[in-house]
Amino acid sequence: MNQDTLVAGAAAASGLALGASASWPAFDNLLGAALGACLVISRQQGASCTRKLTNLLLSAGVGLLFAPMVHDQVPQLTGGIAAFGCALLVIPLSVKLRDWVRRLDIEDILRRFRGS
């Protein structure tokens, strides 16, 4: 193997590694989302293991998904804290909103938004 081939292979490998690291979330975002998701599922008592695992993955995914948006809106937060907050708040608020919409019909919802 000559040196040009070795250099070209190393450049290709480093390019692939750089591309993979750009698409992979930052470690602090991943850790924040995982901690927030763990806190969410730690409050669930009586849920099956499959349900807890599903909720863990869902909360962590939501934390990773919404963390950049929150970080852009509130730049004082680090990426990890934004991911933690998103994982902790988005799913429970979504569940409460879903339950509220199930209880009300569309006329009550529109009446509340109009203020009448």
N, C-alpha and C. Protein backbone atom coordinates (compact mmCIF):
# COMPACT_ATOMS: atom_id res chain seq x y z
N MET A 1 0.84 -1.17 0.00
CA MET A 1 0.00 0.00 0.00
C MET A 1 0.89 1.24 0.00
N ASN A 2 0.68 2.12 -0.95
CA ASN A 2 1.51 3.32 -0.97
C ASN A 2 0.90 4.40 -0.06
N GLN A 3 1.64 5.46 0.12
CA GLN A 3 1.25 6.50 1.07
C GLN A 3 0.03 7.28 0.58
N ASP A 4 -0.12 7.47 -0.72
CA ASP A 4 -1.26 8.21 -1.26
C ASP A 4 -2.57 7.46 -0.98
N THR A 5 -2.54 6.15 -1.14
CA THR A 5 -3.73 5.34 -0.86
C THR A 5 -4.07 5.39 0.62
N LEU A 6 -3.06 5.32 1.47
CA LEU A 6 -3.27 5.38 2.91
C LEU A 6 -3.85 6.72 3.33
N VAL A 7 -3.33 7.81 2.77
CA VAL A 7 -3.83 9.15 3.09
C VAL A 7 -5.27 9.31 2.60
N ALA A 8 -5.58 8.80 1.42
CA ALA A 8 -6.93 8.90 0.88
C ALA A 8 -7.91 8.10 1.75
N GLY A 9 -7.50 6.92 2.20
CA GLY A 9 -8.34 6.12 3.08
C GLY A 9 -8.58 6.79 4.42
N ALA A 10 -7.52 7.39 5.00
CA ALA A 10 -7.66 8.09 6.27
C ALA A 10 -8.57 9.30 6.12
N ALA A 11 -8.47 10.02 5.00
CA ALA A 11 -9.33 11.18 4.76
C ALA A 11 -10.79 10.76 4.61
N ALA A 12 -11.01 9.65 3.92
CA ALA A 12 -12.38 9.16 3.75
C ALA A 12 -12.97 8.72 5.09
N ALA A 13 -12.16 8.02 5.90
CA ALA A 13 -12.64 7.57 7.20
C ALA A 13 -12.93 8.75 8.12
N SER A 14 -12.08 9.77 8.11
CA SER A 14 -12.32 10.93 8.96
C SER A 14 -13.53 11.72 8.47
N GLY A 15 -13.73 11.75 7.16
CA GLY A 15 -14.93 12.41 6.63
C GLY A 15 -16.20 11.70 7.04
N LEU A 16 -16.18 10.37 7.01
CA LEU A 16 -17.34 9.60 7.47
C LEU A 16 -17.59 9.81 8.96
N ALA A 17 -16.52 9.81 9.74
CA ALA A 17 -16.67 10.01 11.19
C ALA A 17 -17.20 11.40 11.49
N LEU A 18 -16.73 12.40 10.77
CA LEU A 18 -17.21 13.76 10.98
C LEU A 18 -18.67 13.89 10.59
N GLY A 19 -19.05 13.27 9.50
CA GLY A 19 -20.45 13.29 9.08
C GLY A 19 -21.36 12.59 10.07
N ALA A 20 -20.90 11.46 10.62
CA ALA A 20 -21.70 10.74 11.61
C ALA A 20 -21.81 11.54 12.90
N SER A 21 -20.74 12.20 13.29
CA SER A 21 -20.80 12.97 14.54
C SER A 21 -21.66 14.21 14.39
N ALA A 22 -21.79 14.75 13.19
CA ALA A 22 -22.65 15.91 12.98
C ALA A 22 -24.11 15.53 13.07
N SER A 23 -24.45 14.32 12.67
CA SER A 23 -25.85 13.90 12.76
C SER A 23 -26.20 13.31 14.11
N TRP A 24 -25.23 12.92 14.88
CA TRP A 24 -25.48 12.36 16.21
C TRP A 24 -25.67 13.50 17.19
N PRO A 25 -26.67 13.42 18.08
CA PRO A 25 -26.89 14.52 19.02
C PRO A 25 -25.72 14.67 19.99
N ALA A 26 -25.55 15.88 20.46
CA ALA A 26 -24.47 16.15 21.42
C ALA A 26 -24.70 15.34 22.69
N PHE A 27 -23.62 15.02 23.35
CA PHE A 27 -23.70 14.17 24.54
C PHE A 27 -24.53 14.82 25.64
N ASP A 28 -24.42 16.14 25.83
CA ASP A 28 -25.20 16.78 26.89
C ASP A 28 -26.69 16.76 26.57
N ASN A 29 -27.06 16.88 25.29
CA ASN A 29 -28.47 16.75 24.91
C ASN A 29 -28.98 15.34 25.19
N LEU A 30 -28.16 14.35 24.83
CA LEU A 30 -28.55 12.96 25.04
C LEU A 30 -28.70 12.64 26.53
N LEU A 31 -27.76 13.11 27.33
CA LEU A 31 -27.82 12.86 28.76
C LEU A 31 -28.99 13.59 29.41
N GLY A 32 -29.22 14.84 29.02
CA GLY A 32 -30.35 15.60 29.57
C GLY A 32 -31.69 14.96 29.24
N ALA A 33 -31.84 14.53 27.98
CA ALA A 33 -33.09 13.89 27.57
C ALA A 33 -33.29 12.56 28.30
N ALA A 34 -32.21 11.80 28.48
CA ALA A 34 -32.32 10.52 29.18
C ALA A 34 -32.69 10.72 30.65
N LEU A 35 -32.09 11.72 31.31
CA LEU A 35 -32.43 11.98 32.71
C LEU A 35 -33.86 12.47 32.87
N GLY A 36 -34.31 13.33 31.97
CA GLY A 36 -35.70 13.79 32.02
C GLY A 36 -36.67 12.65 31.78
N ALA A 37 -36.35 11.78 30.85
CA ALA A 37 -37.22 10.63 30.57
C ALA A 37 -37.25 9.67 31.75
N CYS A 38 -36.11 9.48 32.40
CA CYS A 38 -36.08 8.61 33.59
C CYS A 38 -36.94 9.18 34.71
N LEU A 39 -36.93 10.49 34.85
CA LEU A 39 -37.76 11.12 35.87
C LEU A 39 -39.24 10.96 35.55
N VAL A 40 -39.58 11.04 34.28
CA VAL A 40 -40.98 10.86 33.86
C VAL A 40 -41.45 9.45 34.20
N ILE A 41 -40.66 8.44 33.85
CA ILE A 41 -41.14 7.07 34.07
C ILE A 41 -41.00 6.64 35.53
N SER A 42 -40.18 7.33 36.32
CA SER A 42 -40.06 6.94 37.72
C SER A 42 -41.34 7.24 38.49
N ARG A 43 -42.16 8.14 37.98
CA ARG A 43 -43.42 8.49 38.64
C ARG A 43 -44.57 7.58 38.22
N GLN A 44 -44.33 6.69 37.28
CA GLN A 44 -45.39 5.80 36.81
C GLN A 44 -45.37 4.52 37.64
N GLN A 45 -46.39 4.36 38.43
CA GLN A 45 -46.47 3.15 39.25
C GLN A 45 -47.55 2.25 38.69
N GLY A 46 -47.29 0.99 38.67
CA GLY A 46 -48.25 0.03 38.17
C GLY A 46 -48.23 -0.16 36.67
N ALA A 47 -47.35 0.52 35.98
CA ALA A 47 -47.27 0.36 34.53
C ALA A 47 -46.40 -0.85 34.20
N SER A 48 -46.70 -1.48 33.09
CA SER A 48 -45.92 -2.65 32.69
C SER A 48 -44.54 -2.21 32.22
N CYS A 49 -43.64 -3.17 32.14
CA CYS A 49 -42.27 -2.89 31.72
C CYS A 49 -42.24 -2.38 30.28
N THR A 50 -43.07 -2.94 29.43
CA THR A 50 -43.13 -2.51 28.04
C THR A 50 -43.62 -1.07 27.94
N ARG A 51 -44.63 -0.75 28.74
CA ARG A 51 -45.17 0.62 28.74
C ARG A 51 -44.12 1.62 29.24
N LYS A 52 -43.40 1.24 30.29
CA LYS A 52 -42.36 2.13 30.82
C LYS A 52 -41.25 2.34 29.81
N LEU A 53 -40.84 1.28 29.12
CA LEU A 53 -39.79 1.39 28.11
C LEU A 53 -40.25 2.27 26.94
N THR A 54 -41.49 2.10 26.53
CA THR A 54 -42.05 2.92 25.46
C THR A 54 -42.08 4.39 25.87
N ASN A 55 -42.54 4.66 27.10
CA ASN A 55 -42.58 6.04 27.57
C ASN A 55 -41.18 6.63 27.74
N LEU A 56 -40.22 5.81 28.13
CA LEU A 56 -38.84 6.27 28.25
C LEU A 56 -38.30 6.70 26.89
N LEU A 57 -38.48 5.85 25.89
CA LEU A 57 -38.00 6.17 24.55
C LEU A 57 -38.73 7.36 23.94
N LEU A 58 -40.03 7.44 24.18
CA LEU A 58 -40.81 8.55 23.66
C LEU A 58 -40.39 9.88 24.30
N SER A 59 -40.23 9.89 25.62
CA SER A 59 -39.82 11.12 26.30
C SER A 59 -38.40 11.54 25.90
N ALA A 60 -37.50 10.58 25.82
CA ALA A 60 -36.13 10.91 25.42
C ALA A 60 -36.10 11.43 23.98
N GLY A 61 -36.87 10.82 23.11
CA GLY A 61 -36.92 11.28 21.72
C GLY A 61 -37.49 12.68 21.59
N VAL A 62 -38.53 12.96 22.36
CA VAL A 62 -39.12 14.30 22.34
C VAL A 62 -38.13 15.31 22.91
N GLY A 63 -37.41 14.92 23.95
CA GLY A 63 -36.40 15.82 24.51
C GLY A 63 -35.32 16.15 23.51
N LEU A 64 -34.85 15.15 22.77
CA LEU A 64 -33.83 15.39 21.75
C LEU A 64 -34.38 16.20 20.58
N LEU A 65 -35.63 15.98 20.24
CA LEU A 65 -36.22 16.65 19.09
C LEU A 65 -36.47 18.14 19.36
N PHE A 66 -36.97 18.46 20.54
CA PHE A 66 -37.35 19.83 20.83
C PHE A 66 -36.24 20.65 21.49
N ALA A 67 -35.16 20.04 21.92
CA ALA A 67 -34.09 20.76 22.61
C ALA A 67 -33.47 21.87 21.76
N PRO A 68 -33.17 21.68 20.47
CA PRO A 68 -32.60 22.79 19.70
C PRO A 68 -33.54 24.00 19.57
N MET A 69 -34.83 23.73 19.46
CA MET A 69 -35.79 24.82 19.35
C MET A 69 -35.85 25.62 20.65
N VAL A 70 -35.88 24.92 21.77
CA VAL A 70 -35.92 25.61 23.06
C VAL A 70 -34.60 26.36 23.29
N HIS A 71 -33.50 25.75 22.92
CA HIS A 71 -32.19 26.39 23.08
C HIS A 71 -32.10 27.66 22.24
N ASP A 72 -32.71 27.67 21.06
CA ASP A 72 -32.73 28.88 20.23
C ASP A 72 -33.59 29.97 20.86
N GLN A 73 -34.69 29.58 21.49
CA GLN A 73 -35.60 30.56 22.10
C GLN A 73 -35.07 31.10 23.42
N VAL A 74 -34.41 30.23 24.19
CA VAL A 74 -33.87 30.62 25.49
C VAL A 74 -32.38 30.29 25.49
N PRO A 75 -31.54 31.20 24.97
CA PRO A 75 -30.12 30.86 24.83
C PRO A 75 -29.37 30.74 26.15
N GLN A 76 -29.98 31.14 27.27
CA GLN A 76 -29.31 31.00 28.56
C GLN A 76 -29.22 29.53 28.99
N LEU A 77 -30.10 28.70 28.46
CA LEU A 77 -30.09 27.28 28.79
C LEU A 77 -29.04 26.55 27.97
N THR A 78 -28.41 25.57 28.58
CA THR A 78 -27.53 24.71 27.80
C THR A 78 -28.38 23.71 27.03
N GLY A 79 -27.77 23.02 26.10
CA GLY A 79 -28.51 22.03 25.33
C GLY A 79 -29.04 20.90 26.19
N GLY A 80 -28.25 20.49 27.19
CA GLY A 80 -28.68 19.41 28.07
C GLY A 80 -29.87 19.79 28.93
N ILE A 81 -29.87 21.00 29.45
CA ILE A 81 -30.99 21.44 30.29
C ILE A 81 -32.24 21.62 29.44
N ALA A 82 -32.08 22.10 28.22
CA ALA A 82 -33.23 22.23 27.32
C ALA A 82 -33.81 20.85 27.00
N ALA A 83 -32.95 19.88 26.74
CA ALA A 83 -33.43 18.51 26.45
C ALA A 83 -34.09 17.90 27.68
N PHE A 84 -33.54 18.16 28.87
CA PHE A 84 -34.12 17.66 30.11
C PHE A 84 -35.52 18.24 30.30
N GLY A 85 -35.66 19.55 30.12
CA GLY A 85 -36.96 20.19 30.28
C GLY A 85 -37.98 19.71 29.27
N CYS A 86 -37.55 19.54 28.04
CA CYS A 86 -38.47 19.06 27.01
C CYS A 86 -38.92 17.64 27.30
N ALA A 87 -37.99 16.78 27.70
CA ALA A 87 -38.35 15.40 28.00
C ALA A 87 -39.28 15.33 29.20
N LEU A 88 -39.10 16.25 30.13
CA LEU A 88 -39.88 16.25 31.36
C LEU A 88 -41.26 16.84 31.17
N LEU A 89 -41.40 17.84 30.30
CA LEU A 89 -42.65 18.59 30.21
C LEU A 89 -43.54 18.25 29.02
N VAL A 90 -42.97 17.94 27.87
CA VAL A 90 -43.79 17.83 26.65
C VAL A 90 -44.77 16.68 26.72
N ILE A 91 -44.34 15.51 27.12
CA ILE A 91 -45.23 14.34 27.13
C ILE A 91 -46.35 14.49 28.18
N PRO A 92 -46.04 14.84 29.44
CA PRO A 92 -47.15 15.02 30.39
C PRO A 92 -48.14 16.11 29.97
N LEU A 93 -47.64 17.21 29.42
CA LEU A 93 -48.55 18.26 28.96
C LEU A 93 -49.38 17.78 27.77
N SER A 94 -48.79 17.00 26.90
CA SER A 94 -49.54 16.46 25.76
C SER A 94 -50.63 15.51 26.23
N VAL A 95 -50.33 14.71 27.23
CA VAL A 95 -51.34 13.78 27.76
C VAL A 95 -52.48 14.55 28.41
N LYS A 96 -52.16 15.60 29.17
CA LYS A 96 -53.20 16.41 29.79
C LYS A 96 -54.05 17.11 28.74
N LEU A 97 -53.42 17.62 27.69
CA LEU A 97 -54.16 18.26 26.61
C LEU A 97 -55.07 17.26 25.90
N ARG A 98 -54.57 16.05 25.68
CA ARG A 98 -55.38 15.01 25.04
C ARG A 98 -56.59 14.67 25.89
N ASP A 99 -56.39 14.54 27.20
CA ASP A 99 -57.51 14.23 28.09
C ASP A 99 -58.52 15.36 28.11
N TRP A 100 -58.04 16.61 28.08
CA TRP A 100 -58.93 17.77 28.07
C TRP A 100 -59.77 17.80 26.79
N VAL A 101 -59.15 17.51 25.66
CA VAL A 101 -59.86 17.50 24.39
C VAL A 101 -60.87 16.36 24.35
N ARG A 102 -60.56 15.23 24.95
CA ARG A 102 -61.50 14.11 24.98
C ARG A 102 -62.75 14.44 25.79
N ARG A 103 -62.56 15.21 26.88
CA ARG A 103 -63.70 15.55 27.74
C ARG A 103 -64.62 16.57 27.09
N LEU A 104 -64.07 17.48 26.32
CA LEU A 104 -64.86 18.56 25.72
C LEU A 104 -65.23 18.23 24.29
N ASP A 105 -66.31 18.81 23.85
CA ASP A 105 -66.61 18.70 22.43
C ASP A 105 -66.09 19.95 21.73
N ILE A 106 -66.16 19.96 20.43
CA ILE A 106 -65.54 21.03 19.64
C ILE A 106 -66.19 22.38 19.93
N GLU A 107 -67.48 22.41 20.24
CA GLU A 107 -68.16 23.68 20.53
C GLU A 107 -67.62 24.30 21.81
N ASP A 108 -67.40 23.49 22.83
CA ASP A 108 -66.84 24.01 24.08
C ASP A 108 -65.41 24.54 23.89
N ILE A 109 -64.64 23.84 23.09
CA ILE A 109 -63.26 24.28 22.83
C ILE A 109 -63.26 25.63 22.10
N LEU A 110 -64.08 25.76 21.06
CA LEU A 110 -64.14 27.02 20.32
C LEU A 110 -64.68 28.14 21.20
N ARG A 111 -65.65 27.85 22.05
CA ARG A 111 -66.20 28.85 22.95
C ARG A 111 -65.13 29.34 23.92
N ARG A 112 -64.30 28.45 24.41
CA ARG A 112 -63.24 28.86 25.34
C ARG A 112 -62.20 29.73 24.65
N PHE A 113 -61.86 29.42 23.40
CA PHE A 113 -60.85 30.21 22.69
C PHE A 113 -61.40 31.58 22.29
N ARG A 114 -62.70 31.67 22.01
CA ARG A 114 -63.31 32.95 21.65
C ARG A 114 -63.51 33.82 22.89
N GLY A 115 -63.60 33.21 24.04
CA GLY A 115 -63.81 33.97 25.27
C GLY A 115 -65.26 34.25 25.57
N SER A 116 -66.17 33.55 24.94
CA SER A 116 -67.60 33.80 25.20
C SER A 116 -68.19 32.76 26.11
